Amino acid sequence: MRRTNFYIALLLLTSGYTSCKSKSSEEQPAEAESVIETPVTVTSVTPGPVTEYAELNATSAFLQSNIVKASANGYIKSVAVSPGQFVASGKIIFSIQTKESTNIGAIINNLDSSYQFSGITNIKASQSGYITQLNHQAGDYVQDGEQLAAISTSNSFGFLLNVPYELKRFVTINKPVEVDLPDGTQLKGTVASVMPAVDSVSQTQRVLIRVNSATAIPENLIAKVKILKTQRENVISLPKEAVLSDESQTNFWVMKMIDSVTAVKIPVTRGIETGGKVEILQPLFSTGDQVLISGNYGLADTAKVKIVKPE
């Protein structure tokens, strides 16, 4: 009997010890796992205007040239212009004297010296512009109707723009456009005319852009023309870096801060993209919401982050 009681007591003691040990092990707190926080930078959502432009190249050109011709057979006495010079309408640019006028002038001057007949014919510029061709010089003999010079008329200057036909609805007469020259100069332009023909190969339509410039612009200069396509006010847009996508470019999302250390994945529907900004159509973010613009790539749907200031 004593032996039986001894075994029972030993069994209870062993069971109690095991239970206490197990309980002690369970109650002992596990070593805290370290939380990895990804350093990120954020931007705040702010409504503003979104503008979309179509950018096309245009070439400067003079569309009209005025041909200066001799009005009689004779010798050129003087030339008052040089190539590239700007001449105003009505300026004398050539003087011509015929053999007949020379002989007649000598006779008249012998009869009456006070008359001072010269017999010189002055040829004036009929349009303002630049001398692009100068075919004769003083002393040359020319015939009636012969070309003496060519003037590119200044009022025919503009930029020729080849517009793809699918963009034609954005190019209307008198519509303002922006013309950017290679040296950084920005000019205000206006759609002056649209040619009534389409190139059969490129399917583009030629458009003339008029500009106002305080300085002379050379011909054949290639400039960039910005044509307004869409403009909307008070829309939500985010920097391009904030919008992520999958490999197929079909699903888009942003990482939005829900508290000071947690960012979650928010699927979005994009609108137009211009100037490094992407319009967000859905969901409707609130002003002041914060989204990640760096450190967001590869994050899980819910991630612990640490906001740092950009350098």
Protein backbone atom coordinates (compact mmCIF):
# COMPACT_ATOMS: atom_id res chain seq x y z
CA MET A 1 0.00 0.00 0.00
CA ARG A 2 2.81 2.31 0.84
CA ARG A 3 4.49 1.48 -2.45
CA THR A 4 1.32 2.28 -4.35
CA ASN A 5 0.99 5.64 -2.64
CA PHE A 6 4.61 6.36 -3.42
CA TYR A 7 4.07 5.75 -7.13
CA ILE A 8 0.96 7.89 -7.14
CA ALA A 9 2.78 10.73 -5.42
CA LEU A 10 5.71 10.43 -7.82
CA LEU A 11 3.35 10.49 -10.78
CA LEU A 12 1.57 13.60 -9.53
CA LEU A 13 4.86 15.33 -8.83
CA THR A 14 6.19 14.56 -12.32
CA SER A 15 2.95 15.68 -13.94
CA GLY A 16 2.96 18.93 -11.99
CA TYR A 17 6.56 19.64 -12.88
CA THR A 18 5.93 19.03 -16.58
CA SER A 19 2.81 21.24 -16.48
CA CYS A 20 4.66 24.05 -14.78
CA LYS A 21 7.53 23.82 -17.23
CA SER A 22 5.18 23.86 -20.20
CA LYS A 23 3.26 26.78 -18.76
CA SER A 24 6.48 28.61 -18.05
CA SER A 25 7.59 28.06 -21.63
CA GLU A 26 4.27 29.29 -23.00
CA GLU A 27 4.21 32.36 -20.82
CA GLN A 28 7.77 33.32 -21.72
CA PRO A 29 7.48 36.08 -24.40
CA ALA A 30 8.98 35.20 -27.75
CA GLU A 31 11.87 37.29 -28.85
CA ALA A 32 10.44 40.25 -30.75
CA GLU A 33 11.01 40.07 -34.46
CA SER A 34 12.71 43.15 -35.99
CA VAL A 35 10.42 45.26 -38.21
CA ILE A 36 11.98 46.42 -41.47
CA GLU A 37 10.96 49.96 -42.42
CA THR A 38 11.61 51.05 -46.00
CA PRO A 39 12.79 54.67 -46.39
CA VAL A 40 10.42 56.55 -48.69
CA THR A 41 9.53 60.07 -49.80
CA VAL A 42 5.94 61.24 -50.17
CA THR A 43 3.91 63.94 -51.86
CA SER A 44 0.56 65.42 -50.90
CA VAL A 45 -2.48 65.28 -53.16
CA THR A 46 -3.39 68.76 -54.40
CA PRO A 47 -6.06 69.52 -57.04
CA GLY A 48 -4.91 71.65 -59.95
CA PRO A 49 -5.16 72.20 -63.70
CA VAL A 50 -4.12 69.53 -66.19
CA THR A 51 -3.15 70.53 -69.72
CA GLU A 52 -2.33 68.19 -72.60
CA TYR A 53 -0.42 69.40 -75.67
CA ALA A 54 0.50 67.90 -79.02
CA GLU A 55 4.09 68.81 -79.96
CA LEU A 56 5.02 68.97 -83.65
CA ASN A 57 7.95 70.33 -85.62
CA ALA A 58 7.49 73.31 -87.93
CA THR A 59 9.84 75.00 -90.41
CA SER A 60 10.10 78.75 -90.93
CA ALA A 61 9.55 79.98 -94.49
CA PHE A 62 8.69 82.96 -96.66
CA LEU A 63 5.69 81.95 -98.73
CA GLN A 64 5.96 84.76 -101.25
CA SER A 65 8.84 86.36 -103.14
CA ASN A 66 8.66 89.65 -105.02
CA ILE A 67 10.71 89.62 -108.24
CA VAL A 68 12.28 92.98 -109.10
CA LYS A 69 12.58 93.44 -112.88
CA ALA A 70 14.17 95.99 -115.19
CA SER A 71 11.70 98.45 -116.64
CA ALA A 72 13.83 99.35 -119.71
CA ASN A 73 16.92 98.35 -121.67
CA GLY A 74 19.97 100.06 -120.31
CA TYR A 75 22.88 100.13 -117.92
CA ILE A 76 22.59 99.85 -114.16
CA LYS A 77 23.94 103.07 -112.70
CA SER A 78 23.63 102.17 -108.99
CA VAL A 79 22.59 99.37 -106.66
CA ALA A 80 21.42 100.45 -103.21
CA VAL A 81 20.99 97.05 -101.56
CA SER A 82 22.99 93.96 -100.68
CA PRO A 83 21.99 90.29 -100.15
CA GLY A 84 20.20 89.71 -96.86
CA GLN A 85 19.39 93.39 -96.36
CA PHE A 86 15.92 94.38 -95.24
CA VAL A 87 14.24 96.91 -97.54
CA ALA A 88 11.07 98.85 -96.92
CA SER A 89 8.33 99.21 -99.47
CA GLY A 90 9.02 102.17 -101.77
CA LYS A 91 12.81 102.22 -101.26
CA ILE A 92 14.90 102.86 -104.39
CA ILE A 93 17.05 99.81 -104.98
CA PHE A 94 18.22 100.20 -108.62
CA SER A 95 18.87 103.07 -111.04
CA ILE A 96 18.94 102.36 -114.78
CA GLN A 97 19.96 104.65 -117.63
CA THR A 98 19.31 103.84 -121.29
CA LYS A 99 21.49 104.85 -124.21
CA GLU A 100 18.65 106.90 -125.65
CA SER A 101 18.14 108.83 -122.43
CA THR A 102 21.87 109.55 -122.27
CA ASN A 103 21.87 111.01 -125.76
CA ILE A 104 18.64 112.92 -125.26
CA GLY A 105 19.85 114.25 -121.93
CA ALA A 106 23.06 115.58 -123.49
CA ILE A 107 21.09 117.38 -126.19
CA ILE A 108 18.62 118.88 -123.74
CA ASN A 109 21.37 120.01 -121.37
CA ASN A 110 23.19 121.69 -124.27
CA LEU A 111 20.04 123.59 -125.17
CA ASP A 112 19.14 124.51 -121.58
CA SER A 113 21.63 123.66 -118.83
CA SER A 114 19.15 124.59 -116.12
CA TYR A 115 16.91 121.67 -117.03
CA GLN A 116 19.46 119.04 -115.88
CA PHE A 117 17.82 116.08 -117.58
CA SER A 118 19.42 112.80 -116.44
CA GLY A 119 17.25 110.16 -118.06
CA ILE A 120 17.73 107.84 -115.09
CA THR A 121 14.93 105.43 -114.16
CA ASN A 122 14.62 104.48 -110.51
CA ILE A 123 13.28 101.05 -109.57
CA LYS A 124 11.66 100.77 -106.14
CA ALA A 125 10.73 97.86 -103.90
CA SER A 126 7.04 97.17 -104.12
CA GLN A 127 7.00 95.08 -100.92
CA SER A 128 8.93 95.14 -97.65
CA GLY A 129 11.20 92.18 -97.10
CA TYR A 130 14.70 90.75 -97.34
CA ILE A 131 16.90 90.63 -100.42
CA THR A 132 17.36 86.91 -101.08
CA GLN A 133 18.74 87.22 -104.62
CA LEU A 134 20.78 89.96 -106.25
CA ASN A 135 21.35 89.16 -109.92
CA HIS A 136 23.18 92.27 -111.21
CA GLN A 137 25.58 94.96 -110.09
CA ALA A 138 26.37 98.50 -111.20
CA GLY A 139 27.57 98.71 -114.84
CA ASP A 140 25.68 95.64 -116.07
CA TYR A 141 23.58 95.96 -119.17
CA VAL A 142 20.05 94.64 -118.69
CA GLN A 143 17.04 94.21 -120.90
CA ASP A 144 13.47 95.20 -120.22
CA GLY A 145 11.78 92.60 -117.96
CA GLU A 146 15.01 90.96 -116.85
CA GLN A 147 15.17 89.88 -113.19
CA LEU A 148 17.35 92.13 -111.06
CA ALA A 149 16.64 90.82 -107.56
CA ALA A 150 14.22 88.82 -105.43
CA ILE A 151 12.66 90.03 -102.19
CA SER A 152 11.15 87.61 -99.67
CA THR A 153 8.16 89.57 -98.47
CA SER A 154 8.12 89.90 -94.69
CA ASN A 155 4.33 89.73 -94.39
CA SER A 156 4.37 86.22 -95.89
CA PHE A 157 6.68 84.82 -93.18
CA GLY A 158 5.48 82.02 -90.96
CA PHE A 159 6.06 78.49 -89.75
CA LEU A 160 4.83 75.60 -91.87
CA LEU A 161 3.44 72.78 -89.77
CA ASN A 162 2.54 69.32 -91.07
CA VAL A 163 -0.37 68.17 -88.91
CA PRO A 164 -1.46 64.50 -88.87
CA TYR A 165 -5.05 64.37 -90.02
CA GLU A 166 -6.21 62.75 -86.77
CA LEU A 167 -5.13 65.95 -84.96
CA LYS A 168 -6.90 68.28 -87.37
CA ARG A 169 -9.78 68.94 -84.95
CA PHE A 170 -7.31 70.60 -82.56
CA VAL A 171 -6.02 73.04 -85.23
CA THR A 172 -8.55 75.73 -86.05
CA ILE A 173 -8.16 79.15 -87.66
CA ASN A 174 -7.03 81.89 -85.22
CA LYS A 175 -6.27 79.34 -82.49
CA PRO A 176 -3.28 80.45 -80.36
CA VAL A 177 -0.28 78.13 -80.18
CA GLU A 178 3.15 78.23 -78.58
CA VAL A 179 6.27 78.20 -80.76
CA ASP A 180 9.57 77.21 -79.10
CA LEU A 181 12.75 78.11 -80.99
CA PRO A 182 15.97 76.07 -80.64
CA ASP A 183 17.66 78.87 -78.65
CA GLY A 184 14.97 78.70 -75.96
CA THR A 185 12.92 81.65 -77.21
CA GLN A 186 9.17 81.18 -76.81
CA LEU A 187 6.85 82.95 -79.23
CA LYS A 188 3.09 83.30 -79.33
CA GLY A 189 1.69 82.09 -82.62
CA THR A 190 -1.67 81.93 -84.33
CA VAL A 191 -3.06 79.46 -86.85
CA ALA A 192 -3.38 81.61 -89.98
CA SER A 193 -4.46 79.14 -92.65
CA VAL A 194 -4.92 75.46 -93.39
CA MET A 195 -4.02 74.19 -96.84
CA PRO A 196 -6.92 72.35 -98.55
CA ALA A 197 -4.87 69.24 -99.34
CA VAL A 198 -3.41 66.21 -97.55
CA ASP A 199 -0.11 64.57 -98.39
CA SER A 200 -0.95 61.19 -99.88
CA VAL A 201 2.00 59.41 -98.22
CA SER A 202 2.21 60.90 -94.72
CA GLN A 203 -1.50 61.83 -94.47
CA THR A 204 -0.60 65.22 -93.02
CA GLN A 205 -2.13 68.61 -93.73
CA ARG A 206 -0.01 71.73 -94.01
CA VAL A 207 -0.82 74.59 -91.64
CA LEU A 208 0.63 78.11 -91.56
CA ILE A 209 1.49 79.56 -88.14
CA ARG A 210 1.99 83.33 -87.88
CA VAL A 211 4.23 84.68 -85.12
CA ASN A 212 5.13 88.08 -83.73
CA SER A 213 8.84 88.42 -83.10
CA ALA A 214 10.89 91.48 -82.21
CA THR A 215 13.93 89.97 -83.96
CA ALA A 216 14.35 88.55 -87.43
CA ILE A 217 13.91 84.79 -87.75
CA PRO A 218 15.87 83.05 -90.51
CA GLU A 219 14.24 80.84 -93.08
CA ASN A 220 14.36 77.02 -92.73
CA LEU A 221 14.60 77.16 -88.93
CA ILE A 222 12.98 74.13 -87.25
CA ALA A 223 10.90 75.02 -84.20
CA LYS A 224 8.57 73.06 -81.92
CA VAL A 225 4.89 73.99 -81.92
CA LYS A 226 2.71 73.10 -78.93
CA ILE A 227 -0.97 72.67 -79.77
CA LEU A 228 -3.48 72.57 -76.93
CA LYS A 229 -5.52 69.34 -76.91
CA THR A 230 -7.16 69.20 -73.47
CA GLN A 231 -7.36 71.52 -70.48
CA ARG A 232 -9.20 70.76 -67.26
CA GLU A 233 -9.27 72.58 -63.92
CA ASN A 234 -9.26 71.25 -60.35
CA VAL A 235 -8.40 67.65 -61.11
CA ILE A 236 -6.29 65.22 -59.08
CA SER A 237 -2.91 64.50 -60.61
CA LEU A 238 0.17 62.83 -59.20
CA PRO A 239 3.82 62.76 -60.24
CA LYS A 240 4.57 60.03 -62.73
CA GLU A 241 6.90 58.37 -60.20
CA ALA A 242 3.99 57.77 -57.83
CA VAL A 243 2.00 55.61 -60.27
CA LEU A 244 3.18 52.00 -60.54
CA SER A 245 2.10 49.32 -63.01
CA ASP A 246 2.50 45.66 -63.85
CA GLU A 247 4.59 44.33 -66.73
CA SER A 248 1.67 44.47 -69.18
CA GLN A 249 0.90 48.11 -68.32
CA THR A 250 -2.75 47.23 -67.70
CA ASN A 251 -3.05 47.56 -63.93
CA PHE A 252 -1.96 50.68 -62.09
CA TRP A 253 -1.71 51.55 -58.41
CA VAL A 254 -0.19 53.91 -55.88
CA MET A 255 1.09 53.37 -52.35
CA LYS A 256 -0.91 55.57 -50.00
CA MET A 257 -0.05 56.38 -46.40
CA ILE A 258 -2.79 55.41 -43.97
CA ASP A 259 -0.82 56.46 -40.91
CA SER A 260 2.65 57.76 -40.13
CA VAL A 261 4.40 54.41 -40.78
CA THR A 262 2.08 52.30 -42.97
CA ALA A 263 1.52 52.41 -46.72
CA VAL A 264 -1.12 50.38 -48.56
CA LYS A 265 -1.66 49.56 -52.21
CA ILE A 266 -4.50 51.52 -53.87
CA PRO A 267 -5.53 50.56 -57.46
CA VAL A 268 -6.10 53.64 -59.65
CA THR A 269 -7.55 54.52 -63.04
CA ARG A 270 -5.38 56.91 -65.02
CA GLY A 271 -6.40 59.83 -67.21
CA ILE A 272 -4.14 61.97 -69.38
CA GLU A 273 -0.41 62.13 -68.78
CA THR A 274 1.49 65.32 -69.48
CA GLY A 275 4.39 67.29 -68.09
CA GLY A 276 5.46 64.53 -65.71
CA LYS A 277 1.97 64.42 -64.15
CA VAL A 278 -0.67 61.69 -64.37
CA GLU A 279 -4.37 62.46 -63.92
CA ILE A 280 -6.14 60.13 -61.47
CA LEU A 281 -9.76 59.43 -62.40
CA GLN A 282 -10.49 56.85 -59.71
CA PRO A 283 -10.52 56.66 -56.73
CA LEU A 284 -11.31 60.13 -55.49
CA PHE A 285 -8.42 61.09 -53.24
CA SER A 286 -8.84 63.80 -50.64
CA THR A 287 -6.75 66.92 -50.51
CA GLY A 288 -3.77 66.31 -48.28
CA ASP A 289 -3.60 62.54 -48.80
CA GLN A 290 0.01 61.37 -49.00
CA VAL A 291 1.33 58.93 -51.59
CA LEU A 292 4.81 57.54 -52.06
CA ILE A 293 6.99 58.89 -54.88
CA SER A 294 10.22 57.02 -54.08
CA GLY A 295 10.93 53.75 -52.35
CA ASN A 296 7.50 52.53 -53.49
CA TYR A 297 8.68 50.00 -56.07
CA GLY A 298 8.38 46.38 -54.95
CA LEU A 299 6.56 47.07 -51.71
CA ALA A 300 3.95 44.64 -50.41
CA ASP A 301 0.25 45.52 -50.42
CA THR A 302 0.73 46.71 -46.84
CA ALA A 303 4.20 47.85 -45.86
CA LYS A 304 5.95 49.53 -42.97
CA VAL A 305 7.82 52.59 -44.18
CA LYS A 306 9.85 55.45 -42.84
CA ILE A 307 9.29 58.88 -44.37
CA VAL A 308 12.52 60.71 -45.08
CA LYS A 309 13.08 64.15 -46.51
CA PRO A 310 14.42 64.27 -50.10
CA GLU A 311 18.01 65.44 -50.40
